[in-house]
Amino acid sequence: MVAALPTLAASPALAQGKRTTTAINPNRVVYSVALADQIFAYLRYLPVAFVAATAPARPVPTTTTTSTSTTTTTAPPTTSTSTSTSTSTSTSTSTSTSTSTSTTTTTTRTPVTRRAPAVSYVIPQKGHYAWRFAHLPASLKSEWQVGGITPLFRGAVMRFQAQHNLPVTGGMDTPTWVALVTAGIKHQFSNETYNWVVVSQTQPERLWLYRNGVMSMTTLVNTGITASPTENGTFLVYLRYKVTTMSGILPNGKPYHDTGIPWTSYFNGGDALHGFIRSTYGWPQSLGCVEMPFVEAGALWPYTPLGTPVTVEQ
């Protein structure tokens, strides 16, 4: 269980009154699962996207001005009479009237709806989540819960830690939280596709790989025998080897020591996805691992980074 972190201390830069490179200081953002959900979704570490609610409509004033101007000028008539050997009479009349009217008549308020930012980085926003991919099996969708420490949430933590060179624990500690807020501010999106592995124990047993919601490969596999079964559930890849050695005790009490096991991704205790040579595939033969042909195991391995969900079902 990931516990909520206390309010983190201010950075030395803030304490000394220095300017920081961003408006938000990641060291002062209070941790919550709800806010982490929104940032992980925004940065594409989850199969869901967070859609922020539309901000309330806010009236914006609009002013209409009406102006009328009429000009008329009136001057008295002028008469000039001059007599010598002839008589001349001159009359000049000019009329001008000036009237000016300026009126501000209307002020209206038009509602303007603004969309909220994609994510806050400070406190959780109002909004909803939507699946990022059109076609996803129901078993994956059932693993998602808003605000819950689900396998998908822990997988997002592990994938983020791996991509940011942090210890991959699946737990939200202070360095991971500060790095996550910083990545959100800098819009540092996940550089991997969202991958998910499904293993069916219904015979013939088969594995499917989904990448960004698209089924990209499938192969026959072998799961655990009755004496050493493969557990059903959703687990996370936590350890990987290109080649490794597997050893232990067989159900009959005899030890085994298998070298050269290729393309191994451990997901539940000693259970792993890996290549193994068998004469046939599609039915229980292993000691709990999910075995597959070498070629298929090699094709799958690049798409099972740390934190990849693996669902085993009937």
C-alpha atoms as a PDB file:
ATOM      1  CA  MET A   1       0.000   0.000   0.000  1.00  0.00           C
ATOM      2  CA  VAL A   2       1.342   3.441  -0.924  1.00  0.00           C
ATOM      3  CA  ALA A   3       0.916   5.890   1.949  1.00  0.00           C
ATOM      4  CA  ALA A   4       0.214   9.579   1.406  1.00  0.00           C
ATOM      5  CA  LEU A   5       3.336  11.689   1.750  1.00  0.00           C
ATOM      6  CA  PRO A   6       3.527  14.709   4.054  1.00  0.00           C
ATOM      7  CA  THR A   7       3.868  18.215   2.700  1.00  0.00           C
ATOM      8  CA  LEU A   8       7.358  18.445   1.268  1.00  0.00           C
ATOM      9  CA  ALA A   9       9.794  21.120   2.367  1.00  0.00           C
ATOM     10  CA  ALA A  10      10.473  24.173   0.244  1.00  0.00           C
ATOM     11  CA  SER A  11      13.537  24.070  -1.978  1.00  0.00           C
ATOM     12  CA  PRO A  12      16.659  26.129  -1.059  1.00  0.00           C
ATOM     13  CA  ALA A  13      15.959  28.366  -4.058  1.00  0.00           C
ATOM     14  CA  LEU A  14      12.582  29.404  -2.659  1.00  0.00           C
ATOM     15  CA  ALA A  15      13.939  29.746   0.861  1.00  0.00           C
ATOM     16  CA  GLN A  16      16.548  32.221  -0.408  1.00  0.00           C
ATOM     17  CA  GLY A  17      14.043  34.134  -2.488  1.00  0.00           C
ATOM     18  CA  LYS A  18      15.592  33.104  -5.785  1.00  0.00           C
ATOM     19  CA  ARG A  19      13.624  32.714  -8.987  1.00  0.00           C
ATOM     20  CA  THR A  20      12.942  29.144 -10.127  1.00  0.00           C
ATOM     21  CA  THR A  21      12.700  27.910 -13.702  1.00  0.00           C
ATOM     22  CA  THR A  22       8.984  27.091 -13.365  1.00  0.00           C
ATOM     23  CA  ALA A  23       5.981  28.709 -11.734  1.00  0.00           C
ATOM     24  CA  ILE A  24       5.355  25.542  -9.700  1.00  0.00           C
ATOM     25  CA  ASN A  25       7.920  24.189  -7.258  1.00  0.00           C
ATOM     26  CA  PRO A  26       7.667  20.355  -7.414  1.00  0.00           C
ATOM     27  CA  ASN A  27       9.157  20.098  -3.919  1.00  0.00           C
ATOM     28  CA  ARG A  28       6.105  21.790  -2.447  1.00  0.00           C
ATOM     29  CA  VAL A  29       3.320  19.823  -4.131  1.00  0.00           C
ATOM     30  CA  VAL A  30       1.440  17.608  -1.667  1.00  0.00           C
ATOM     31  CA  TYR A  31       1.129  13.971  -2.716  1.00  0.00           C
ATOM     32  CA  SER A  32      -2.237  12.314  -3.290  1.00  0.00           C
ATOM     33  CA  VAL A  33      -3.218   9.225  -5.285  1.00  0.00           C
ATOM     34  CA  ALA A  34      -5.900  11.271  -7.077  1.00  0.00           C
ATOM     35  CA  LEU A  35      -3.367  13.835  -8.326  1.00  0.00           C
ATOM     36  CA  ALA A  36      -0.846  11.106  -9.202  1.00  0.00           C
ATOM     37  CA  ASP A  37      -3.571   9.366 -11.253  1.00  0.00           C
ATOM     38  CA  GLN A  38      -4.156  12.539 -13.261  1.00  0.00           C
ATOM     39  CA  ILE A  39      -0.453  13.154 -13.938  1.00  0.00           C
ATOM     40  CA  PHE A  40       0.243   9.515 -14.850  1.00  0.00           C
ATOM     41  CA  ALA A  41      -2.753   9.556 -17.213  1.00  0.00           C
ATOM     42  CA  TYR A  42      -1.595  12.838 -18.787  1.00  0.00           C
ATOM     43  CA  LEU A  43       1.942  11.488 -19.322  1.00  0.00           C
ATOM     44  CA  ARG A  44       0.561   8.248 -20.890  1.00  0.00           C
ATOM     45  CA  TYR A  45       1.699   5.807 -18.227  1.00  0.00           C
ATOM     46  CA  LEU A  46      -1.879   4.525 -17.864  1.00  0.00           C
ATOM     47  CA  PRO A  47      -4.333   3.094 -20.419  1.00  0.00           C
ATOM     48  CA  VAL A  48      -6.717   5.917 -19.533  1.00  0.00           C
ATOM     49  CA  ALA A  49      -6.629   9.638 -20.283  1.00  0.00           C
ATOM     50  CA  PHE A  50      -7.809  12.322 -17.886  1.00  0.00           C
ATOM     51  CA  VAL A  51     -10.268  14.799 -19.386  1.00  0.00           C
ATOM     52  CA  ALA A  52     -10.465  17.979 -17.315  1.00  0.00           C
ATOM     53  CA  ALA A  53     -13.913  19.473 -16.776  1.00  0.00           C
ATOM     54  CA  THR A  54     -14.826  22.552 -18.739  1.00  0.00           C
ATOM     55  CA  ALA A  55     -14.434  25.705 -16.679  1.00  0.00           C
ATOM     56  CA  PRO A  56     -17.732  27.472 -15.820  1.00  0.00           C
ATOM     57  CA  ALA A  57     -19.016  30.026 -18.312  1.00  0.00           C
ATOM     58  CA  ARG A  58     -17.831  33.521 -17.361  1.00  0.00           C
ATOM     59  CA  PRO A  59     -19.665  36.620 -18.690  1.00  0.00           C
ATOM     60  CA  VAL A  60     -17.481  38.956 -20.704  1.00  0.00           C
ATOM     61  CA  PRO A  61     -18.848  42.546 -21.051  1.00  0.00           C
ATOM     62  CA  THR A  62     -19.541  43.839 -24.559  1.00  0.00           C
ATOM     63  CA  THR A  63     -20.239  47.594 -25.072  1.00  0.00           C
ATOM     64  CA  THR A  64     -22.133  49.102 -28.026  1.00  0.00           C
ATOM     65  CA  THR A  65     -21.788  52.877 -28.660  1.00  0.00           C
ATOM     66  CA  THR A  66     -24.093  54.979 -30.878  1.00  0.00           C
ATOM     67  CA  SER A  67     -22.921  58.426 -32.044  1.00  0.00           C
ATOM     68  CA  THR A  68     -24.910  61.024 -34.131  1.00  0.00           C
ATOM     69  CA  SER A  69     -23.514  64.342 -35.465  1.00  0.00           C
ATOM     70  CA  THR A  70     -25.276  67.094 -37.589  1.00  0.00           C
ATOM     71  CA  THR A  71     -23.708  70.484 -38.443  1.00  0.00           C
ATOM     72  CA  THR A  72     -25.602  73.671 -39.628  1.00  0.00           C
ATOM     73  CA  THR A  73     -24.179  77.237 -39.471  1.00  0.00           C
ATOM     74  CA  THR A  74     -26.223  80.496 -39.627  1.00  0.00           C
ATOM     75  CA  ALA A  75     -24.692  83.954 -40.173  1.00  0.00           C
ATOM     76  CA  PRO A  76     -26.543  87.324 -40.587  1.00  0.00           C
ATOM     77  CA  PRO A  77     -27.002  88.615 -44.171  1.00  0.00           C
ATOM     78  CA  THR A  78     -24.588  91.260 -45.424  1.00  0.00           C
ATOM     79  CA  THR A  79     -25.757  94.182 -47.640  1.00  0.00           C
ATOM     80  CA  SER A  80     -23.358  96.560 -49.312  1.00  0.00           C
ATOM     81  CA  THR A  81     -24.555  99.694 -51.273  1.00  0.00           C
ATOM     82  CA  SER A  82     -22.238 101.987 -53.196  1.00  0.00           C
ATOM     83  CA  THR A  83     -23.295 105.057 -55.388  1.00  0.00           C
ATOM     84  CA  SER A  84     -21.157 106.989 -57.856  1.00  0.00           C
ATOM     85  CA  THR A  85     -22.227 107.129 -61.480  1.00  0.00           C
ATOM     86  CA  SER A  86     -23.805 103.710 -60.952  1.00  0.00           C
ATOM     87  CA  THR A  87     -25.506 101.831 -58.156  1.00  0.00           C
ATOM     88  CA  SER A  88     -24.401  98.339 -56.952  1.00  0.00           C
ATOM     89  CA  THR A  89     -26.156  96.205 -54.331  1.00  0.00           C
ATOM     90  CA  SER A  90     -24.582  92.987 -52.909  1.00  0.00           C
ATOM     91  CA  THR A  91     -26.359  90.586 -50.526  1.00  0.00           C
ATOM     92  CA  SER A  92     -24.674  87.501 -48.985  1.00  0.00           C
ATOM     93  CA  THR A  93     -26.505  84.995 -46.791  1.00  0.00           C
ATOM     94  CA  SER A  94     -24.929  81.926 -45.033  1.00  0.00           C
ATOM     95  CA  THR A  95     -26.787  79.553 -42.722  1.00  0.00           C
ATOM     96  CA  SER A  96     -25.082  76.896 -40.512  1.00  0.00           C
ATOM     97  CA  THR A  97     -26.504  74.903 -37.570  1.00  0.00           C
ATOM     98  CA  SER A  98     -24.313  72.611 -35.401  1.00  0.00           C
ATOM     99  CA  THR A  99     -25.754  69.763 -33.299  1.00  0.00           C
ATOM    100  CA  SER A 100     -23.628  66.898 -31.840  1.00  0.00           C
ATOM    101  CA  THR A 101     -24.975  63.866 -29.933  1.00  0.00           C
ATOM    102  CA  SER A 102     -22.846  60.956 -28.581  1.00  0.00           C
ATOM    103  CA  THR A 103     -24.581  58.156 -26.698  1.00  0.00           C
ATOM    104  CA  THR A 104     -23.332  54.899 -25.182  1.00  0.00           C
ATOM    105  CA  THR A 105     -26.442  52.816 -25.338  1.00  0.00           C
ATOM    106  CA  THR A 106     -25.764  49.104 -24.580  1.00  0.00           C
ATOM    107  CA  THR A 107     -23.570  46.979 -22.302  1.00  0.00           C
ATOM    108  CA  THR A 108     -24.160  43.221 -22.564  1.00  0.00           C
ATOM    109  CA  ARG A 109     -22.459  40.208 -20.954  1.00  0.00           C
ATOM    110  CA  THR A 110     -21.799  37.241 -23.256  1.00  0.00           C
ATOM    111  CA  PRO A 111     -20.998  33.892 -21.543  1.00  0.00           C
ATOM    112  CA  VAL A 112     -17.614  32.537 -22.642  1.00  0.00           C
ATOM    113  CA  THR A 113     -16.744  28.929 -21.785  1.00  0.00           C
ATOM    114  CA  ARG A 114     -13.080  28.125 -21.188  1.00  0.00           C
ATOM    115  CA  ARG A 115     -11.563  24.642 -21.109  1.00  0.00           C
ATOM    116  CA  ALA A 116      -9.559  23.847 -18.008  1.00  0.00           C
ATOM    117  CA  PRO A 117      -5.854  22.953 -18.360  1.00  0.00           C
ATOM    118  CA  ALA A 118      -5.006  19.303 -19.065  1.00  0.00           C
ATOM    119  CA  VAL A 119      -3.709  18.747 -15.541  1.00  0.00           C
ATOM    120  CA  SER A 120      -3.059  20.876 -12.475  1.00  0.00           C
ATOM    121  CA  TYR A 121       0.163  19.517 -10.850  1.00  0.00           C
ATOM    122  CA  VAL A 122      -0.969  21.123  -7.569  1.00  0.00           C
ATOM    123  CA  ILE A 123      -4.400  19.750  -6.621  1.00  0.00           C
ATOM    124  CA  PRO A 124      -6.661  17.228  -8.385  1.00  0.00           C
ATOM    125  CA  GLN A 125      -8.979  18.782 -10.948  1.00  0.00           C
ATOM    126  CA  LYS A 126     -12.593  17.992 -11.650  1.00  0.00           C
ATOM    127  CA  GLY A 127     -13.050  15.823 -14.734  1.00  0.00           C
ATOM    128  CA  HIS A 128     -13.320  12.228 -15.846  1.00  0.00           C
ATOM    129  CA  TYR A 129     -11.213   9.409 -17.269  1.00  0.00           C
ATOM    130  CA  ALA A 130     -11.630   7.851 -20.700  1.00  0.00           C
ATOM    131  CA  TRP A 131      -9.976   4.780 -22.175  1.00  0.00           C
ATOM    132  CA  ARG A 132      -7.169   5.761 -24.519  1.00  0.00           C
ATOM    133  CA  PHE A 133      -7.713   2.807 -26.850  1.00  0.00           C
ATOM    134  CA  ALA A 134     -10.866   1.702 -28.617  1.00  0.00           C
ATOM    135  CA  HIS A 135     -10.436  -2.054 -28.170  1.00  0.00           C
ATOM    136  CA  LEU A 136      -9.346  -3.437 -24.830  1.00  0.00           C
ATOM    137  CA  PRO A 137     -10.295  -6.749 -23.211  1.00  0.00           C
ATOM    138  CA  ALA A 138     -12.691  -6.525 -20.267  1.00  0.00           C
ATOM    139  CA  SER A 139     -10.105  -8.092 -17.945  1.00  0.00           C
ATOM    140  CA  LEU A 140      -7.836  -5.053 -18.343  1.00  0.00           C
ATOM    141  CA  LYS A 141     -10.647  -2.559 -17.850  1.00  0.00           C
ATOM    142  CA  SER A 142     -11.698  -4.304 -14.661  1.00  0.00           C
ATOM    143  CA  GLU A 143      -8.269  -3.567 -13.167  1.00  0.00           C
ATOM    144  CA  TRP A 144      -8.705   0.221 -13.336  1.00  0.00           C
ATOM    145  CA  GLN A 145     -10.048   2.120 -10.337  1.00  0.00           C
ATOM    146  CA  VAL A 146      -9.810   5.880  -9.821  1.00  0.00           C
ATOM    147  CA  GLY A 147      -7.792   6.683  -6.705  1.00  0.00           C
ATOM    148  CA  GLY A 148      -6.946   3.042  -6.000  1.00  0.00           C
ATOM    149  CA  ILE A 149      -3.573   1.343  -5.571  1.00  0.00           C
ATOM    150  CA  THR A 150      -4.338  -1.121  -8.362  1.00  0.00           C
ATOM    151  CA  PRO A 151      -1.865  -3.189 -10.403  1.00  0.00           C
ATOM    152  CA  LEU A 152      -2.255  -0.628 -13.190  1.00  0.00           C
ATOM    153  CA  PHE A 153      -1.315   2.208 -10.822  1.00  0.00           C
ATOM    154  CA  ARG A 154       1.688   0.323  -9.434  1.00  0.00           C
ATOM    155  CA  GLY A 155       2.679  -0.602 -12.985  1.00  0.00           C
ATOM    156  CA  ALA A 156       2.601   3.077 -13.940  1.00  0.00           C
ATOM    157  CA  VAL A 157       4.857   3.870 -10.967  1.00  0.00           C
ATOM    158  CA  MET A 158       7.316   1.127 -11.995  1.00  0.00           C
ATOM    159  CA  ARG A 159       7.404   2.178 -15.643  1.00  0.00           C
ATOM    160  CA  PHE A 160       7.934   5.810 -14.654  1.00  0.00           C
ATOM    161  CA  GLN A 161      10.717   4.899 -12.220  1.00  0.00           C
ATOM    162  CA  ALA A 162      12.459   2.768 -14.864  1.00  0.00           C
ATOM    163  CA  GLN A 163      12.252   5.480 -17.520  1.00  0.00           C
ATOM    164  CA  HIS A 164      13.593   8.124 -15.106  1.00  0.00           C
ATOM    165  CA  ASN A 165      16.468   6.037 -13.714  1.00  0.00           C
ATOM    166  CA  LEU A 166      14.933   5.687 -10.249  1.00  0.00           C
ATOM    167  CA  PRO A 167      14.904   2.518  -8.109  1.00  0.00           C
ATOM    168  CA  VAL A 168      12.019   0.428  -9.463  1.00  0.00           C
ATOM    169  CA  THR A 169       9.978  -0.365  -6.362  1.00  0.00           C
ATOM    170  CA  GLY A 170       6.409   0.309  -7.487  1.00  0.00           C
ATOM    171  CA  GLY A 171       5.994   2.517  -4.410  1.00  0.00           C
ATOM    172  CA  MET A 172       5.560   6.288  -4.491  1.00  0.00           C
ATOM    173  CA  ASP A 173       8.408   7.738  -2.441  1.00  0.00           C
ATOM    174  CA  THR A 174       9.493  11.376  -2.271  1.00  0.00           C
ATOM    175  CA  PRO A 175      12.067  11.278  -5.138  1.00  0.00           C
ATOM    176  CA  THR A 176       9.522   9.565  -7.413  1.00  0.00           C
ATOM    177  CA  TRP A 177       6.800  12.082  -6.572  1.00  0.00           C
ATOM    178  CA  VAL A 178       9.030  15.108  -7.169  1.00  0.00           C
ATOM    179  CA  ALA A 179      10.242  13.578 -10.446  1.00  0.00           C
ATOM    180  CA  LEU A 180       6.649  12.892 -11.537  1.00  0.00           C
ATOM    181  CA  VAL A 181       5.495  16.466 -10.879  1.00  0.00           C
ATOM    182  CA  THR A 182       8.588  17.778 -12.675  1.00  0.00           C
ATOM    183  CA  ALA A 183       7.917  15.499 -15.660  1.00  0.00           C
ATOM    184  CA  GLY A 184       4.338  16.739 -15.806  1.00  0.00           C
ATOM    185  CA  ILE A 185       5.395  20.385 -15.803  1.00  0.00           C
ATOM    186  CA  LYS A 186       7.912  19.670 -18.570  1.00  0.00           C
ATOM    187  CA  HIS A 187       5.439  17.503 -20.575  1.00  0.00           C
ATOM    188  CA  GLN A 188       7.833  14.541 -20.563  1.00  0.00           C
ATOM    189  CA  PHE A 189       5.534  11.826 -21.938  1.00  0.00           C
ATOM    190  CA  SER A 190       6.244   8.099 -21.699  1.00  0.00           C
ATOM    191  CA  ASN A 191       8.567   6.978 -24.490  1.00  0.00           C
ATOM    192  CA  GLU A 192       7.032   3.478 -24.686  1.00  0.00           C
ATOM    193  CA  THR A 193       3.817   2.001 -26.001  1.00  0.00           C
ATOM    194  CA  TYR A 194       1.344   0.812 -23.373  1.00  0.00           C
ATOM    195  CA  ASN A 195       1.780  -2.973 -23.367  1.00  0.00           C
ATOM    196  CA  TRP A 196      -0.289  -5.675 -21.717  1.00  0.00           C
ATOM    197  CA  VAL A 197       0.088  -9.477 -21.777  1.00  0.00           C
ATOM    198  CA  VAL A 198      -2.833 -11.901 -21.414  1.00  0.00           C
ATOM    199  CA  VAL A 199      -2.337 -15.623 -20.803  1.00  0.00           C
ATOM    200  CA  SER A 200      -5.291 -17.982 -21.141  1.00  0.00           C
ATOM    201  CA  GLN A 201      -5.151 -21.358 -19.360  1.00  0.00           C
ATOM    202  CA  THR A 202      -8.069 -22.644 -21.391  1.00  0.00           C
ATOM    203  CA  GLN A 203      -6.623 -25.317 -23.658  1.00  0.00           C
ATOM    204  CA  PRO A 204      -5.072 -24.879 -26.090  1.00  0.00           C
ATOM    205  CA  GLU A 205      -3.261 -22.396 -23.819  1.00  0.00           C
ATOM    206  CA  ARG A 206      -2.371 -19.172 -25.551  1.00  0.00           C
ATOM    207  CA  LEU A 207      -0.724 -15.792 -24.937  1.00  0.00           C
ATOM    208  CA  TRP A 208      -1.692 -12.425 -26.460  1.00  0.00           C
ATOM    209  CA  LEU A 209       0.327  -9.207 -26.489  1.00  0.00           C
ATOM    210  CA  TYR A 210      -1.545  -5.894 -26.760  1.00  0.00           C
ATOM    211  CA  ARG A 211       0.327  -2.725 -27.695  1.00  0.00           C
ATOM    212  CA  ASN A 212      -1.620   0.531 -27.412  1.00  0.00           C
ATOM    213  CA  GLY A 213      -4.833  -1.471 -27.537  1.00  0.00           C
ATOM    214  CA  VAL A 214      -3.919  -3.483 -30.628  1.00  0.00           C
ATOM    215  CA  MET A 215      -3.272  -7.227 -30.417  1.00  0.00           C
ATOM    216  CA  SER A 216       0.180  -7.428 -32.007  1.00  0.00           C
ATOM    217  CA  MET A 217       1.185 -11.070 -31.434  1.00  0.00           C
ATOM    218  CA  THR A 218      -0.142 -14.386 -30.147  1.00  0.00           C
ATOM    219  CA  THR A 219       1.417 -17.770 -29.504  1.00  0.00           C
ATOM    220  CA  LEU A 220       0.704 -21.140 -27.922  1.00  0.00           C
ATOM    221  CA  VAL A 221       2.187 -21.473 -24.416  1.00  0.00           C
ATOM    222  CA  ASN A 222       2.530 -23.935 -21.548  1.00  0.00           C
ATOM    223  CA  THR A 223       1.498 -23.072 -17.984  1.00  0.00           C
ATOM    224  CA  GLY A 224       1.947 -24.902 -14.678  1.00  0.00           C
ATOM    225  CA  ILE A 225       1.010 -28.490 -13.972  1.00  0.00           C
ATOM    226  CA  THR A 226      -1.518 -29.360 -11.257  1.00  0.00           C
ATOM    227  CA  ALA A 227       1.231 -29.912  -8.665  1.00  0.00           C
ATOM    228  CA  SER A 228       2.762 -26.502  -9.425  1.00  0.00           C
ATOM    229  CA  PRO A 229       0.049 -24.348 -11.031  1.00  0.00           C
ATOM    230  CA  THR A 230       0.256 -20.874 -12.545  1.00  0.00           C
ATOM    231  CA  GLU A 231      -1.775 -18.493 -10.392  1.00  0.00           C
ATOM    232  CA  ASN A 232      -4.605 -16.528 -11.992  1.00  0.00           C
ATOM    233  CA  GLY A 233      -4.637 -12.758 -11.583  1.00  0.00           C
ATOM    234  CA  THR A 234      -2.960  -9.590 -12.831  1.00  0.00           C
ATOM    235  CA  PHE A 235       0.709  -9.184 -11.956  1.00  0.00           C
ATOM    236  CA  LEU A 236       3.567  -6.875 -12.972  1.00  0.00           C
ATOM    237  CA  VAL A 237       6.885  -7.688 -14.619  1.00  0.00           C
ATOM    238  CA  TYR A 238       9.497  -6.950 -11.940  1.00  0.00           C
ATOM    239  CA  LEU A 239      12.693  -8.647 -13.175  1.00  0.00           C
ATOM    240  CA  ARG A 240      14.080  -9.425 -16.638  1.00  0.00           C
ATOM    241  CA  TYR A 241      16.965 -11.346 -18.207  1.00  0.00           C
ATOM    242  CA  LYS A 242      17.976 -11.969 -21.782  1.00  0.00           C
ATOM    243  CA  VAL A 243      19.469 -15.272 -20.610  1.00  0.00           C
ATOM    244  CA  THR A 244      19.362 -16.785 -17.131  1.00  0.00           C
ATOM    245  CA  THR A 245      19.600 -20.015 -15.135  1.00  0.00           C
ATOM    246  CA  MET A 246      16.606 -21.481 -13.325  1.00  0.00           C
ATOM    247  CA  SER A 247      16.917 -23.953 -10.483  1.00  0.00           C
ATOM    248  CA  GLY A 248      14.721 -25.373  -7.761  1.00  0.00           C
ATOM    249  CA  ILE A 249      12.967 -28.514  -6.568  1.00  0.00           C
ATOM    250  CA  LEU A 250      10.641 -30.634  -8.695  1.00  0.00           C
ATOM    251  CA  PRO A 251       7.318 -31.829  -7.236  1.00  0.00           C
ATOM    252  CA  ASN A 252       8.910 -35.283  -6.764  1.00  0.00           C
ATOM    253  CA  GLY A 253      11.590 -33.735  -4.544  1.00  0.00           C
ATOM    254  CA  LYS A 254      14.441 -33.860  -7.041  1.00  0.00           C
ATOM    255  CA  PRO A 255      16.418 -30.682  -7.793  1.00  0.00           C
ATOM    256  CA  TYR A 256      16.612 -29.133 -11.253  1.00  0.00           C
ATOM    257  CA  HIS A 257      19.142 -26.727 -12.741  1.00  0.00           C
ATOM    258  CA  ASP A 258      18.290 -25.365 -16.210  1.00  0.00           C
ATOM    259  CA  THR A 259      20.852 -23.104 -17.881  1.00  0.00           C
ATOM    260  CA  GLY A 260      20.489 -20.879 -20.929  1.00  0.00           C
ATOM    261  CA  ILE A 261      16.821 -19.919 -20.405  1.00  0.00           C
ATOM    262  CA  PRO A 262      16.245 -17.039 -22.857  1.00  0.00           C
ATOM    263  CA  TRP A 263      14.022 -13.967 -22.879  1.00  0.00           C
ATOM    264  CA  THR A 264      12.836 -14.166 -19.259  1.00  0.00           C
ATOM    265  CA  SER A 265      10.398 -11.723 -17.618  1.00  0.00           C
ATOM    266  CA  TYR A 266       9.447 -12.571 -14.021  1.00  0.00           C
ATOM    267  CA  PHE A 267       5.934 -11.420 -13.079  1.00  0.00           C
ATOM    268  CA  ASN A 268       4.823 -13.392  -9.971  1.00  0.00           C
ATOM    269  CA  GLY A 269       7.387 -14.812  -7.563  1.00  0.00           C
ATOM    270  CA  GLY A 270       9.241 -17.518  -9.470  1.00  0.00           C
ATOM    271  CA  ASP A 271       6.800 -17.494 -12.397  1.00  0.00           C
ATOM    272  CA  ALA A 272       8.104 -15.918 -15.592  1.00  0.00           C
ATOM    273  CA  LEU A 273       7.436 -15.538 -19.281  1.00  0.00           C
ATOM    274  CA  HIS A 274      10.316 -17.217 -21.112  1.00  0.00           C
ATOM    275  CA  GLY A 275      11.437 -19.436 -23.943  1.00  0.00           C
ATOM    276  CA  PHE A 276      11.681 -23.186 -23.399  1.00  0.00           C
ATOM    277  CA  ILE A 277      12.067 -26.091 -25.802  1.00  0.00           C
ATOM    278  CA  ARG A 278       9.140 -28.529 -25.742  1.00  0.00           C
ATOM    279  CA  SER A 279       7.844 -30.953 -28.335  1.00  0.00           C
ATOM    280  CA  THR A 280       4.379 -29.397 -28.077  1.00  0.00           C
ATOM    281  CA  TYR A 281       2.759 -26.273 -26.668  1.00  0.00           C
ATOM    282  CA  GLY A 282      -0.749 -25.389 -25.528  1.00  0.00           C
ATOM    283  CA  TRP A 283      -1.235 -27.411 -22.339  1.00  0.00           C
ATOM    284  CA  PRO A 284       0.149 -27.474 -18.731  1.00  0.00           C
ATOM    285  CA  GLN A 285       3.786 -28.679 -18.638  1.00  0.00           C
ATOM    286  CA  SER A 286       5.764 -26.122 -16.595  1.00  0.00           C
ATOM    287  CA  LEU A 287       6.337 -25.563 -12.872  1.00  0.00           C
ATOM    288  CA  GLY A 288       4.327 -22.339 -12.971  1.00  0.00           C
ATOM    289  CA  CYS A 289       6.128 -20.390 -15.674  1.00  0.00           C
ATOM    290  CA  VAL A 290       4.613 -19.451 -19.024  1.00  0.00           C
ATOM    291  CA  GLU A 291       6.756 -21.263 -21.571  1.00  0.00           C
ATOM    292  CA  MET A 292       6.822 -20.542 -25.300  1.00  0.00           C
ATOM    293  CA  PRO A 293       9.034 -21.263 -28.313  1.00  0.00           C
ATOM    294  CA  PHE A 294      12.329 -19.359 -28.467  1.00  0.00           C
ATOM    295  CA  VAL A 295      11.347 -17.265 -31.486  1.00  0.00           C
ATOM    296  CA  GLU A 296       8.072 -16.102 -29.952  1.00  0.00           C
ATOM    297  CA  ALA A 297       9.726 -15.453 -26.588  1.00  0.00           C
ATOM    298  CA  GLY A 298      12.322 -13.277 -28.322  1.00  0.00           C
ATOM    299  CA  ALA A 299       9.604 -11.343 -30.148  1.00  0.00           C
ATOM    300  CA  LEU A 300       7.693 -10.738 -26.900  1.00  0.00           C
ATOM    301  CA  TRP A 301      10.608  -9.774 -24.636  1.00  0.00           C
ATOM    302  CA  PRO A 302      11.177  -6.176 -25.906  1.00  0.00           C
ATOM    303  CA  TYR A 303       7.561  -5.365 -25.035  1.00  0.00           C
ATOM    304  CA  THR A 304       7.610  -6.551 -21.423  1.00  0.00           C
ATOM    305  CA  PRO A 305       9.544  -3.776 -19.648  1.00  0.00           C
ATOM    306  CA  LEU A 306       9.368  -3.452 -15.874  1.00  0.00           C
ATOM    307  CA  GLY A 307       5.819  -2.651 -14.800  1.00  0.00           C
ATOM    308  CA  THR A 308       4.106  -4.396 -17.728  1.00  0.00           C
ATOM    309  CA  PRO A 309       0.805  -5.965 -16.568  1.00  0.00           C
ATOM    310  CA  VAL A 310       0.500  -9.725 -17.113  1.00  0.00           C
ATOM    311  CA  THR A 311      -2.981 -11.192 -16.661  1.00  0.00           C
ATOM    312  CA  VAL A 312      -3.345 -14.952 -16.262  1.00  0.00           C
ATOM    313  CA  GLU A 313      -6.919 -16.216 -16.611  1.00  0.00           C
ATOM    314  CA  GLN A 314      -8.921 -19.331 -17.393  1.00  0.00           C
END
